[in-house]
Amino acid sequence: MEKVDVLAQYMPPEAAPVIAKWIDYFQCEFKISKSRATKLGDYRHPFKELGHKISVNNNLNRYAFLVTTVHEFAHLLTWNDHKNKVKPHGGEWKHNFKRMMTPFLEQQVFPEDLQIAISTYLTNPSASSCTDLSLSRALKKYDGILDHSRLEELPQHTIFTIKDGRRFKKGEKLRKRFRCECLDNGNTYLFSPLAEVVVSATGT
C-alpha cells in the first residue's frame, strides 16, 4: 500500500500527501505505534548511523493524529536547525510548529472549531506544547463514543476508577490539577482535568 494511502487512514486524507513528502524529504522513519499512556507521539534525533525517527499513537482521532504528527516534525526541524542547543518547546520549536501547521490551516483540513482552537494556540506564547488544555479539549470532541469520562466533568467527591483498577475520590482543584484521594491506600494524587476515568457504580 502506498505511503499516502496508509497515512490517509489515520489523518484527514488531504493532509496525507504533505506528510508523506515530509517523511521522504527528511528521510525520516515514521512509525504508527500502539497506544502509549505517557505520550501521544515521540521524536528521536539521528544517532550514529540511525536517522530521524517519529512515532505517533494509532488510537488518536484523525485530527489529533495530524496535530501530533506536525508537533513531532517541528521537533525534527528544530533539531536540524539547532541540534540540542535550544529548549524542546522553546521559541524555535514554536516558530517551526506554526510554520509547519500553516499549510493545513490554509487547506482548512480541520473543522471550524478546531481551526479556531489551533489558531488561538499558535498565538499563545505561554502554551508550550500540544498538551495545552484548550486545544486538547477541542481535539477530544472528535474521539467518538467513549466508555469513560473526563475528570473535569465529574462533580466533587465522585468516586472513580483508573485503568490499573485503583479507586479515587475527586477533591478540590489546585491551580491546573485536581487533588484526589486514593481509597485503596489513603494517599493523595494530582490528576489532569482531562484524565480519562470510569465512574464507580457507587457514584458519589
N, C-alpha and C. Protein backbone atom coordinates (compact mmCIF):
# COMPACT_ATOMS: atom_id res chain seq x y z
N MET A 1 0.84 -1.19 0.00
CA MET A 1 0.00 0.00 0.00
C MET A 1 0.88 1.25 0.00
N GLU A 2 0.50 2.25 -0.78
CA GLU A 2 1.28 3.48 -0.85
C GLU A 2 1.27 4.22 0.48
N LYS A 3 2.35 4.94 0.74
CA LYS A 3 2.51 5.68 1.99
C LYS A 3 1.34 6.65 2.21
N VAL A 4 0.95 7.35 1.15
CA VAL A 4 -0.15 8.32 1.27
C VAL A 4 -1.44 7.60 1.68
N ASP A 5 -1.69 6.45 1.12
CA ASP A 5 -2.91 5.70 1.42
C ASP A 5 -2.93 5.24 2.88
N VAL A 6 -1.79 4.81 3.38
CA VAL A 6 -1.70 4.40 4.79
C VAL A 6 -1.95 5.59 5.70
N LEU A 7 -1.28 6.71 5.43
CA LEU A 7 -1.44 7.91 6.26
C LEU A 7 -2.88 8.41 6.24
N ALA A 8 -3.54 8.29 5.10
CA ALA A 8 -4.91 8.78 4.96
C ALA A 8 -5.89 8.02 5.83
N GLN A 9 -5.49 6.85 6.32
CA GLN A 9 -6.35 6.08 7.23
C GLN A 9 -6.34 6.66 8.64
N TYR A 10 -5.33 7.47 8.94
CA TYR A 10 -5.14 7.97 10.30
C TYR A 10 -5.29 9.49 10.44
N MET A 11 -5.32 10.21 9.34
CA MET A 11 -5.40 11.67 9.37
C MET A 11 -6.34 12.13 8.27
N PRO A 12 -6.72 13.41 8.25
CA PRO A 12 -7.54 13.89 7.13
C PRO A 12 -6.84 13.56 5.81
N PRO A 13 -7.52 12.91 4.87
CA PRO A 13 -6.88 12.43 3.64
C PRO A 13 -6.13 13.52 2.86
N GLU A 14 -6.66 14.74 2.89
CA GLU A 14 -5.99 15.81 2.14
C GLU A 14 -4.66 16.23 2.74
N ALA A 15 -4.42 15.85 4.01
CA ALA A 15 -3.15 16.17 4.67
C ALA A 15 -2.08 15.11 4.39
N ALA A 16 -2.50 13.91 4.01
CA ALA A 16 -1.58 12.78 3.87
C ALA A 16 -0.46 13.02 2.85
N PRO A 17 -0.73 13.62 1.67
CA PRO A 17 0.36 13.85 0.71
C PRO A 17 1.46 14.76 1.26
N VAL A 18 1.08 15.74 2.06
CA VAL A 18 2.08 16.66 2.63
C VAL A 18 2.97 15.92 3.62
N ILE A 19 2.38 15.14 4.49
CA ILE A 19 3.15 14.39 5.49
C ILE A 19 4.05 13.38 4.79
N ALA A 20 3.55 12.73 3.75
CA ALA A 20 4.36 11.76 3.00
C ALA A 20 5.59 12.44 2.40
N LYS A 21 5.42 13.65 1.89
CA LYS A 21 6.55 14.40 1.33
C LYS A 21 7.57 14.72 2.42
N TRP A 22 7.08 15.09 3.60
CA TRP A 22 7.99 15.40 4.71
C TRP A 22 8.80 14.16 5.09
N ILE A 23 8.14 13.01 5.16
CA ILE A 23 8.83 11.77 5.53
C ILE A 23 9.97 11.50 4.55
N ASP A 24 9.69 11.68 3.25
CA ASP A 24 10.72 11.44 2.23
C ASP A 24 11.81 12.51 2.27
N TYR A 25 11.39 13.76 2.39
CA TYR A 25 12.36 14.87 2.36
C TYR A 25 13.36 14.78 3.50
N PHE A 26 12.84 14.50 4.71
CA PHE A 26 13.72 14.44 5.88
C PHE A 26 14.32 13.05 6.09
N GLN A 27 13.99 12.12 5.20
CA GLN A 27 14.46 10.73 5.32
C GLN A 27 14.19 10.22 6.74
N CYS A 28 12.94 10.35 7.12
CA CYS A 28 12.52 10.04 8.48
C CYS A 28 11.84 8.67 8.54
N GLU A 29 12.18 7.89 9.55
CA GLU A 29 11.45 6.65 9.82
C GLU A 29 10.19 7.01 10.59
N PHE A 30 9.04 6.79 9.98
CA PHE A 30 7.76 7.18 10.59
C PHE A 30 6.99 5.93 10.98
N LYS A 31 6.69 5.80 12.25
CA LYS A 31 6.03 4.60 12.77
C LYS A 31 4.69 4.94 13.40
N ILE A 32 3.67 4.18 13.06
CA ILE A 32 2.37 4.30 13.70
C ILE A 32 2.35 3.28 14.84
N SER A 33 2.35 3.78 16.07
CA SER A 33 2.58 2.93 17.25
C SER A 33 1.30 2.54 17.95
N LYS A 34 1.41 1.51 18.78
CA LYS A 34 0.32 1.16 19.68
C LYS A 34 0.14 2.29 20.70
N SER A 35 -1.02 2.33 21.30
CA SER A 35 -1.32 3.37 22.28
C SER A 35 -0.31 3.35 23.43
N ARG A 36 0.16 4.54 23.81
CA ARG A 36 1.06 4.68 24.95
C ARG A 36 0.43 5.62 25.96
N ALA A 37 0.40 5.23 27.21
CA ALA A 37 -0.28 6.02 28.23
C ALA A 37 0.42 7.34 28.52
N THR A 38 1.74 7.37 28.33
CA THR A 38 2.51 8.55 28.75
C THR A 38 2.75 9.57 27.64
N LYS A 39 2.47 9.21 26.39
CA LYS A 39 2.72 10.17 25.31
C LYS A 39 1.90 9.83 24.08
N LEU A 40 1.61 10.87 23.30
CA LEU A 40 0.85 10.71 22.06
C LEU A 40 1.77 10.45 20.88
N GLY A 41 2.96 11.02 20.95
CA GLY A 41 3.93 10.86 19.88
C GLY A 41 5.33 11.04 20.42
N ASP A 42 6.32 10.78 19.56
CA ASP A 42 7.71 10.83 20.02
C ASP A 42 8.63 11.16 18.84
N TYR A 43 9.67 11.94 19.12
CA TYR A 43 10.70 12.21 18.10
C TYR A 43 12.06 11.82 18.66
N ARG A 44 12.85 11.13 17.86
CA ARG A 44 14.22 10.77 18.22
C ARG A 44 15.16 11.31 17.14
N HIS A 45 16.14 12.09 17.56
CA HIS A 45 17.06 12.67 16.58
C HIS A 45 18.07 11.62 16.09
N PRO A 46 18.75 11.89 14.98
CA PRO A 46 19.72 10.92 14.43
C PRO A 46 20.79 10.56 15.46
N PHE A 47 21.18 9.31 15.46
CA PHE A 47 22.21 8.82 16.38
C PHE A 47 23.05 7.76 15.67
N LYS A 48 24.34 8.00 15.63
CA LYS A 48 25.26 7.11 14.90
C LYS A 48 24.77 6.95 13.46
N GLU A 49 24.48 5.71 13.04
CA GLU A 49 24.06 5.51 11.64
C GLU A 49 22.55 5.60 11.47
N LEU A 50 21.79 5.84 12.57
CA LEU A 50 20.34 5.91 12.50
C LEU A 50 19.88 7.34 12.22
N GLY A 51 18.83 7.47 11.43
CA GLY A 51 18.31 8.79 11.08
C GLY A 51 17.17 9.23 12.00
N HIS A 52 16.42 10.24 11.55
CA HIS A 52 15.29 10.74 12.32
C HIS A 52 14.24 9.64 12.51
N LYS A 53 13.62 9.63 13.70
CA LYS A 53 12.54 8.68 13.97
C LYS A 53 11.37 9.42 14.61
N ILE A 54 10.18 9.20 14.06
CA ILE A 54 8.95 9.75 14.64
C ILE A 54 7.96 8.61 14.80
N SER A 55 7.26 8.61 15.93
CA SER A 55 6.18 7.64 16.15
C SER A 55 4.97 8.39 16.68
N VAL A 56 3.78 7.95 16.25
CA VAL A 56 2.52 8.57 16.67
C VAL A 56 1.55 7.45 17.02
N ASN A 57 0.81 7.62 18.11
CA ASN A 57 -0.11 6.58 18.57
C ASN A 57 -1.23 6.32 17.56
N ASN A 58 -1.56 5.06 17.39
CA ASN A 58 -2.55 4.67 16.37
C ASN A 58 -4.00 4.86 16.81
N ASN A 59 -4.22 5.17 18.10
CA ASN A 59 -5.59 5.27 18.59
C ASN A 59 -6.10 6.71 18.65
N LEU A 60 -5.35 7.65 18.11
CA LEU A 60 -5.79 9.05 18.11
C LEU A 60 -6.82 9.28 17.01
N ASN A 61 -7.76 10.20 17.26
CA ASN A 61 -8.66 10.56 16.17
C ASN A 61 -7.84 11.27 15.08
N ARG A 62 -8.38 11.37 13.88
CA ARG A 62 -7.57 11.81 12.74
C ARG A 62 -7.02 13.23 12.90
N TYR A 63 -7.75 14.08 13.61
CA TYR A 63 -7.27 15.44 13.78
C TYR A 63 -6.15 15.50 14.83
N ALA A 64 -6.32 14.74 15.92
CA ALA A 64 -5.27 14.66 16.94
C ALA A 64 -4.02 14.00 16.37
N PHE A 65 -4.21 13.01 15.50
CA PHE A 65 -3.08 12.34 14.86
C PHE A 65 -2.28 13.34 14.02
N LEU A 66 -2.97 14.17 13.26
CA LEU A 66 -2.28 15.15 12.42
C LEU A 66 -1.56 16.21 13.27
N VAL A 67 -2.23 16.73 14.29
CA VAL A 67 -1.59 17.74 15.15
C VAL A 67 -0.35 17.16 15.83
N THR A 68 -0.46 15.92 16.31
CA THR A 68 0.68 15.28 16.97
C THR A 68 1.82 15.06 15.98
N THR A 69 1.48 14.65 14.75
CA THR A 69 2.49 14.44 13.71
C THR A 69 3.24 15.73 13.41
N VAL A 70 2.50 16.83 13.25
CA VAL A 70 3.14 18.13 12.98
C VAL A 70 4.00 18.55 14.18
N HIS A 71 3.49 18.29 15.39
CA HIS A 71 4.25 18.58 16.62
C HIS A 71 5.62 17.90 16.57
N GLU A 72 5.63 16.62 16.20
CA GLU A 72 6.90 15.87 16.18
C GLU A 72 7.80 16.32 15.03
N PHE A 73 7.23 16.63 13.87
CA PHE A 73 8.05 17.13 12.78
C PHE A 73 8.66 18.49 13.11
N ALA A 74 7.96 19.29 13.92
CA ALA A 74 8.53 20.56 14.36
C ALA A 74 9.76 20.32 15.23
N HIS A 75 9.73 19.24 16.03
CA HIS A 75 10.93 18.87 16.80
C HIS A 75 12.07 18.49 15.84
N LEU A 76 11.74 17.74 14.81
CA LEU A 76 12.75 17.33 13.83
C LEU A 76 13.41 18.54 13.18
N LEU A 77 12.58 19.48 12.71
CA LEU A 77 13.11 20.67 12.06
C LEU A 77 13.95 21.51 13.02
N THR A 78 13.49 21.60 14.26
CA THR A 78 14.23 22.36 15.27
C THR A 78 15.58 21.71 15.54
N TRP A 79 15.62 20.38 15.59
CA TRP A 79 16.90 19.69 15.80
C TRP A 79 17.83 19.93 14.61
N ASN A 80 17.31 19.89 13.40
CA ASN A 80 18.14 20.16 12.22
C ASN A 80 18.75 21.55 12.27
N ASP A 81 17.97 22.50 12.77
CA ASP A 81 18.42 23.89 12.80
C ASP A 81 19.36 24.18 13.96
N HIS A 82 19.10 23.56 15.11
CA HIS A 82 19.80 23.97 16.34
C HIS A 82 20.42 22.83 17.13
N LYS A 83 20.22 21.58 16.70
CA LYS A 83 20.68 20.42 17.47
C LYS A 83 20.11 20.49 18.89
N ASN A 84 20.93 20.27 19.90
CA ASN A 84 20.45 20.28 21.28
C ASN A 84 20.70 21.60 22.01
N LYS A 85 20.84 22.67 21.25
CA LYS A 85 21.23 23.95 21.85
C LYS A 85 20.04 24.79 22.30
N VAL A 86 18.82 24.33 22.05
CA VAL A 86 17.63 25.09 22.45
C VAL A 86 16.69 24.21 23.25
N LYS A 87 15.73 24.83 23.94
CA LYS A 87 14.76 24.08 24.74
C LYS A 87 13.81 23.32 23.83
N PRO A 88 13.34 22.14 24.27
CA PRO A 88 12.47 21.30 23.43
C PRO A 88 11.23 22.03 22.91
N HIS A 89 10.60 22.84 23.76
CA HIS A 89 9.40 23.57 23.35
C HIS A 89 9.61 25.08 23.48
N GLY A 90 10.83 25.51 23.17
CA GLY A 90 11.16 26.93 23.23
C GLY A 90 10.65 27.69 22.01
N GLY A 91 11.12 28.94 21.89
CA GLY A 91 10.67 29.80 20.80
C GLY A 91 10.95 29.23 19.43
N GLU A 92 12.06 28.53 19.29
CA GLU A 92 12.43 27.96 17.99
C GLU A 92 11.43 26.87 17.57
N TRP A 93 11.09 26.00 18.55
CA TRP A 93 10.11 24.96 18.25
C TRP A 93 8.74 25.57 17.93
N LYS A 94 8.32 26.56 18.71
CA LYS A 94 7.02 27.20 18.47
C LYS A 94 6.96 27.80 17.07
N HIS A 95 8.06 28.44 16.67
CA HIS A 95 8.12 29.03 15.32
C HIS A 95 7.97 27.95 14.25
N ASN A 96 8.66 26.85 14.43
CA ASN A 96 8.60 25.78 13.44
C ASN A 96 7.24 25.08 13.44
N PHE A 97 6.65 24.91 14.61
CA PHE A 97 5.33 24.30 14.69
C PHE A 97 4.31 25.15 13.94
N LYS A 98 4.39 26.46 14.13
CA LYS A 98 3.47 27.37 13.45
C LYS A 98 3.67 27.30 11.94
N ARG A 99 4.93 27.31 11.50
CA ARG A 99 5.24 27.22 10.06
C ARG A 99 4.69 25.95 9.44
N MET A 100 4.88 24.84 10.15
CA MET A 100 4.50 23.54 9.59
C MET A 100 3.00 23.28 9.69
N MET A 101 2.32 23.96 10.60
CA MET A 101 0.87 23.81 10.71
C MET A 101 0.12 24.69 9.71
N THR A 102 0.75 25.76 9.26
CA THR A 102 0.09 26.73 8.39
C THR A 102 -0.53 26.12 7.13
N PRO A 103 0.16 25.22 6.40
CA PRO A 103 -0.46 24.66 5.19
C PRO A 103 -1.79 23.96 5.45
N PHE A 104 -1.92 23.32 6.60
CA PHE A 104 -3.14 22.58 6.90
C PHE A 104 -4.27 23.53 7.31
N LEU A 105 -3.91 24.65 7.94
CA LEU A 105 -4.91 25.66 8.26
C LEU A 105 -5.39 26.34 6.98
N GLU A 106 -4.46 26.57 6.07
CA GLU A 106 -4.83 27.20 4.80
C GLU A 106 -5.70 26.27 3.95
N GLN A 107 -5.44 24.97 4.04
CA GLN A 107 -6.25 23.98 3.33
C GLN A 107 -7.59 23.74 4.01
N GLN A 108 -7.71 24.22 5.25
CA GLN A 108 -8.92 24.03 6.06
C GLN A 108 -9.26 22.54 6.20
N VAL A 109 -8.26 21.77 6.59
CA VAL A 109 -8.49 20.33 6.79
C VAL A 109 -9.17 20.06 8.13
N PHE A 110 -9.22 21.07 9.00
CA PHE A 110 -9.84 20.91 10.31
C PHE A 110 -11.25 21.51 10.31
N PRO A 111 -12.16 20.96 11.12
CA PRO A 111 -13.46 21.61 11.34
C PRO A 111 -13.26 23.01 11.92
N GLU A 112 -14.26 23.85 11.79
CA GLU A 112 -14.12 25.25 12.18
C GLU A 112 -13.70 25.43 13.64
N ASP A 113 -14.27 24.63 14.55
CA ASP A 113 -13.91 24.81 15.96
C ASP A 113 -12.44 24.48 16.21
N LEU A 114 -11.92 23.48 15.49
CA LEU A 114 -10.50 23.14 15.64
C LEU A 114 -9.62 24.18 14.97
N GLN A 115 -10.06 24.72 13.84
CA GLN A 115 -9.30 25.81 13.19
C GLN A 115 -9.08 26.94 14.19
N ILE A 116 -10.15 27.29 14.90
CA ILE A 116 -10.08 28.39 15.88
C ILE A 116 -9.17 28.01 17.05
N ALA A 117 -9.34 26.79 17.57
CA ALA A 117 -8.54 26.35 18.73
C ALA A 117 -7.06 26.30 18.39
N ILE A 118 -6.73 25.80 17.21
CA ILE A 118 -5.33 25.70 16.80
C ILE A 118 -4.75 27.08 16.55
N SER A 119 -5.50 27.95 15.89
CA SER A 119 -5.03 29.31 15.62
C SER A 119 -4.79 30.06 16.93
N THR A 120 -5.69 29.87 17.89
CA THR A 120 -5.52 30.51 19.20
C THR A 120 -4.28 29.97 19.89
N TYR A 121 -4.10 28.67 19.84
CA TYR A 121 -2.93 28.04 20.45
C TYR A 121 -1.64 28.59 19.85
N LEU A 122 -1.62 28.77 18.52
CA LEU A 122 -0.40 29.21 17.84
C LEU A 122 -0.03 30.64 18.20
N THR A 123 -0.98 31.43 18.66
CA THR A 123 -0.69 32.81 19.02
C THR A 123 -0.48 33.00 20.51
N ASN A 124 -0.51 31.89 21.27
CA ASN A 124 -0.39 31.95 22.73
C ASN A 124 1.02 31.54 23.16
N PRO A 125 1.88 32.50 23.47
CA PRO A 125 3.27 32.16 23.82
C PRO A 125 3.43 31.39 25.12
N SER A 126 2.39 31.38 25.97
CA SER A 126 2.52 30.66 27.24
C SER A 126 2.21 29.17 27.09
N ALA A 127 1.63 28.79 25.95
CA ALA A 127 1.33 27.37 25.73
C ALA A 127 2.55 26.71 25.11
N SER A 128 3.20 25.82 25.86
CA SER A 128 4.49 25.30 25.43
C SER A 128 4.41 24.06 24.55
N SER A 129 3.26 23.39 24.51
CA SER A 129 3.19 22.17 23.72
C SER A 129 1.76 21.83 23.37
N CYS A 130 1.58 20.72 22.68
CA CYS A 130 0.23 20.29 22.27
C CYS A 130 -0.58 19.73 23.42
N THR A 131 -0.05 19.80 24.63
CA THR A 131 -0.83 19.38 25.79
C THR A 131 -1.63 20.55 26.34
N ASP A 132 -1.65 21.67 25.64
CA ASP A 132 -2.47 22.82 26.01
C ASP A 132 -3.91 22.35 26.22
N LEU A 133 -4.50 22.69 27.39
CA LEU A 133 -5.80 22.14 27.76
C LEU A 133 -6.90 22.53 26.79
N SER A 134 -6.92 23.79 26.34
CA SER A 134 -7.98 24.24 25.44
C SER A 134 -7.94 23.46 24.13
N LEU A 135 -6.74 23.28 23.58
CA LEU A 135 -6.60 22.54 22.34
C LEU A 135 -6.93 21.06 22.54
N SER A 136 -6.50 20.50 23.67
CA SER A 136 -6.79 19.09 23.95
C SER A 136 -8.28 18.85 24.07
N ARG A 137 -8.99 19.78 24.73
CA ARG A 137 -10.45 19.63 24.84
C ARG A 137 -11.11 19.66 23.47
N ALA A 138 -10.66 20.58 22.63
CA ALA A 138 -11.24 20.69 21.29
C ALA A 138 -10.99 19.42 20.48
N LEU A 139 -9.79 18.87 20.58
CA LEU A 139 -9.47 17.65 19.84
C LEU A 139 -10.25 16.44 20.35
N LYS A 140 -10.44 16.37 21.67
CA LYS A 140 -11.10 15.21 22.25
C LYS A 140 -12.57 15.11 21.87
N LYS A 141 -13.16 16.22 21.41
CA LYS A 141 -14.55 16.18 20.97
C LYS A 141 -14.74 15.21 19.79
N TYR A 142 -13.65 14.91 19.11
CA TYR A 142 -13.72 14.07 17.91
C TYR A 142 -13.25 12.64 18.18
N ASP A 143 -13.20 12.26 19.45
CA ASP A 143 -12.75 10.91 19.80
C ASP A 143 -13.82 9.84 19.56
N GLY A 144 -15.04 10.23 19.29
CA GLY A 144 -16.10 9.25 19.07
C GLY A 144 -16.73 8.83 20.39
N ILE A 145 -17.44 7.71 20.37
CA ILE A 145 -18.14 7.23 21.56
C ILE A 145 -17.14 6.65 22.55
N LEU A 146 -17.20 7.13 23.78
CA LEU A 146 -16.24 6.70 24.80
C LEU A 146 -16.97 5.95 25.92
N ASP A 147 -16.23 5.06 26.58
CA ASP A 147 -16.80 4.35 27.72
C ASP A 147 -16.24 4.90 29.02
N HIS A 148 -15.71 6.11 28.96
CA HIS A 148 -15.14 6.72 30.15
C HIS A 148 -15.46 8.21 30.17
N SER A 149 -15.17 8.87 31.28
CA SER A 149 -15.44 10.29 31.44
C SER A 149 -14.13 11.04 31.67
N ARG A 150 -14.16 12.34 31.42
CA ARG A 150 -13.02 13.18 31.79
C ARG A 150 -13.24 13.66 33.22
N LEU A 151 -12.16 13.70 33.99
CA LEU A 151 -12.28 14.03 35.41
C LEU A 151 -12.95 15.39 35.62
N GLU A 152 -12.65 16.36 34.76
CA GLU A 152 -13.20 17.70 34.94
C GLU A 152 -14.73 17.73 34.83
N GLU A 153 -15.31 16.70 34.21
CA GLU A 153 -16.76 16.65 34.02
C GLU A 153 -17.50 16.13 35.26
N LEU A 154 -16.77 15.55 36.20
CA LEU A 154 -17.40 14.90 37.35
C LEU A 154 -17.57 15.87 38.51
N PRO A 155 -18.66 15.73 39.28
CA PRO A 155 -18.85 16.55 40.48
C PRO A 155 -17.78 16.22 41.53
N GLN A 156 -17.53 17.18 42.41
CA GLN A 156 -16.58 16.92 43.50
C GLN A 156 -17.10 15.77 44.37
N HIS A 157 -16.18 14.99 44.91
CA HIS A 157 -16.45 13.83 45.77
C HIS A 157 -16.90 12.59 44.99
N THR A 158 -16.97 12.67 43.65
CA THR A 158 -17.30 11.48 42.87
C THR A 158 -16.21 10.43 43.02
N ILE A 159 -16.60 9.18 43.15
CA ILE A 159 -15.65 8.08 43.23
C ILE A 159 -15.44 7.52 41.83
N PHE A 160 -14.19 7.37 41.43
CA PHE A 160 -13.90 6.88 40.09
C PHE A 160 -12.75 5.89 40.12
N THR A 161 -12.59 5.19 39.01
CA THR A 161 -11.54 4.18 38.87
C THR A 161 -10.67 4.52 37.67
N ILE A 162 -9.36 4.25 37.79
CA ILE A 162 -8.46 4.45 36.66
C ILE A 162 -8.08 3.09 36.07
N LYS A 163 -7.27 3.11 35.01
CA LYS A 163 -7.00 1.89 34.24
C LYS A 163 -6.43 0.74 35.07
N ASP A 164 -5.61 1.07 36.08
CA ASP A 164 -4.99 -0.01 36.85
C ASP A 164 -5.90 -0.56 37.95
N GLY A 165 -7.14 -0.06 38.00
CA GLY A 165 -8.11 -0.59 38.96
C GLY A 165 -8.21 0.17 40.27
N ARG A 166 -7.30 1.10 40.52
CA ARG A 166 -7.36 1.86 41.78
C ARG A 166 -8.56 2.80 41.80
N ARG A 167 -9.12 2.98 43.00
CA ARG A 167 -10.30 3.83 43.18
C ARG A 167 -9.90 5.12 43.86
N PHE A 168 -10.52 6.22 43.42
CA PHE A 168 -10.20 7.54 43.95
C PHE A 168 -11.48 8.33 44.22
N LYS A 169 -11.35 9.33 45.09
CA LYS A 169 -12.42 10.30 45.30
C LYS A 169 -11.92 11.66 44.82
N LYS A 170 -12.71 12.29 43.95
CA LYS A 170 -12.33 13.58 43.40
C LYS A 170 -12.41 14.66 44.47
N GLY A 171 -11.32 15.44 44.57
CA GLY A 171 -11.28 16.53 45.53
C GLY A 171 -11.25 17.88 44.84
N GLU A 172 -10.71 18.88 45.53
CA GLU A 172 -10.71 20.26 45.03
C GLU A 172 -9.66 20.45 43.93
N LYS A 173 -9.85 21.51 43.15
CA LYS A 173 -8.91 21.84 42.10
C LYS A 173 -7.83 22.75 42.65
N LEU A 174 -6.57 22.40 42.40
CA LEU A 174 -5.43 23.21 42.81
C LEU A 174 -4.77 23.75 41.54
N ARG A 175 -4.96 25.00 41.25
CA ARG A 175 -4.45 25.60 40.02
C ARG A 175 -4.92 24.82 38.80
N LYS A 176 -4.09 23.96 38.23
CA LYS A 176 -4.46 23.27 36.99
C LYS A 176 -4.87 21.82 37.19
N ARG A 177 -4.67 21.26 38.38
CA ARG A 177 -4.94 19.84 38.60
C ARG A 177 -5.89 19.62 39.77
N PHE A 178 -6.52 18.44 39.79
CA PHE A 178 -7.43 18.09 40.88
C PHE A 178 -6.71 17.20 41.88
N ARG A 179 -6.90 17.55 43.17
CA ARG A 179 -6.38 16.70 44.24
C ARG A 179 -7.38 15.57 44.49
N CYS A 180 -6.91 14.32 44.40
CA CYS A 180 -7.81 13.17 44.57
C CYS A 180 -7.21 12.20 45.58
N GLU A 181 -8.07 11.67 46.42
CA GLU A 181 -7.63 10.70 47.43
C GLU A 181 -7.79 9.28 46.90
N CYS A 182 -6.73 8.49 47.01
CA CYS A 182 -6.81 7.08 46.62
C CYS A 182 -7.47 6.32 47.76
N LEU A 183 -8.59 5.67 47.48
CA LEU A 183 -9.32 4.95 48.51
C LEU A 183 -8.67 3.62 48.87
N ASP A 184 -7.70 3.20 48.09
CA ASP A 184 -7.02 1.92 48.35
C ASP A 184 -5.86 2.06 49.33
N ASN A 185 -5.19 3.23 49.31
CA ASN A 185 -4.04 3.39 50.21
C ASN A 185 -4.05 4.69 51.00
N GLY A 186 -5.04 5.56 50.76
CA GLY A 186 -5.15 6.80 51.52
C GLY A 186 -4.24 7.92 51.04
N ASN A 187 -3.41 7.66 50.05
CA ASN A 187 -2.51 8.70 49.53
C ASN A 187 -3.27 9.69 48.64
N THR A 188 -2.67 10.87 48.48
CA THR A 188 -3.26 11.92 47.65
C THR A 188 -2.47 12.05 46.36
N TYR A 189 -3.18 12.18 45.25
CA TYR A 189 -2.56 12.31 43.94
C TYR A 189 -3.17 13.49 43.20
N LEU A 190 -2.40 14.08 42.28
CA LEU A 190 -2.89 15.17 41.45
C LEU A 190 -3.17 14.65 40.05
N PHE A 191 -4.36 14.97 39.53
CA PHE A 191 -4.80 14.50 38.22
C PHE A 191 -5.05 15.67 37.28
N SER A 192 -4.73 15.45 36.01
CA SER A 192 -5.09 16.40 34.97
C SER A 192 -6.61 16.46 34.84
N PRO A 193 -7.17 17.63 34.53
CA PRO A 193 -8.62 17.72 34.30
C PRO A 193 -9.08 16.81 33.16
N LEU A 194 -8.17 16.49 32.23
CA LEU A 194 -8.53 15.67 31.08
C LEU A 194 -8.27 14.19 31.29
N ALA A 195 -7.90 13.79 32.51
CA ALA A 195 -7.68 12.37 32.80
C ALA A 195 -8.96 11.59 32.51
N GLU A 196 -8.82 10.47 31.81
CA GLU A 196 -9.97 9.63 31.46
C GLU A 196 -10.19 8.57 32.54
N VAL A 197 -11.36 8.61 33.14
CA VAL A 197 -11.65 7.75 34.29
C VAL A 197 -13.01 7.08 34.10
N VAL A 198 -13.26 6.06 34.90
CA VAL A 198 -14.55 5.36 34.89
C VAL A 198 -15.23 5.61 36.23
N VAL A 199 -16.46 6.10 36.18
CA VAL A 199 -17.19 6.39 37.40
C VAL A 199 -17.60 5.07 38.06
N SER A 200 -17.32 4.93 39.35
CA SER A 200 -17.65 3.70 40.07
C SER A 200 -19.16 3.55 40.21
N ALA A 201 -19.58 2.32 40.37
CA ALA A 201 -21.01 2.04 40.49
C ALA A 201 -21.63 2.73 41.69
N THR A 202 -20.80 2.99 42.73
CA THR A 202 -21.30 3.64 43.94
C THR A 202 -21.53 5.12 43.73
N GLY A 203 -21.02 5.68 42.58
CA GLY A 203 -21.25 7.10 42.26
C GLY A 203 -20.48 8.01 43.16
N THR A 204 -21.19 8.75 44.02
CA THR A 204 -20.52 9.70 44.90
C THR A 204 -20.65 9.27 46.35
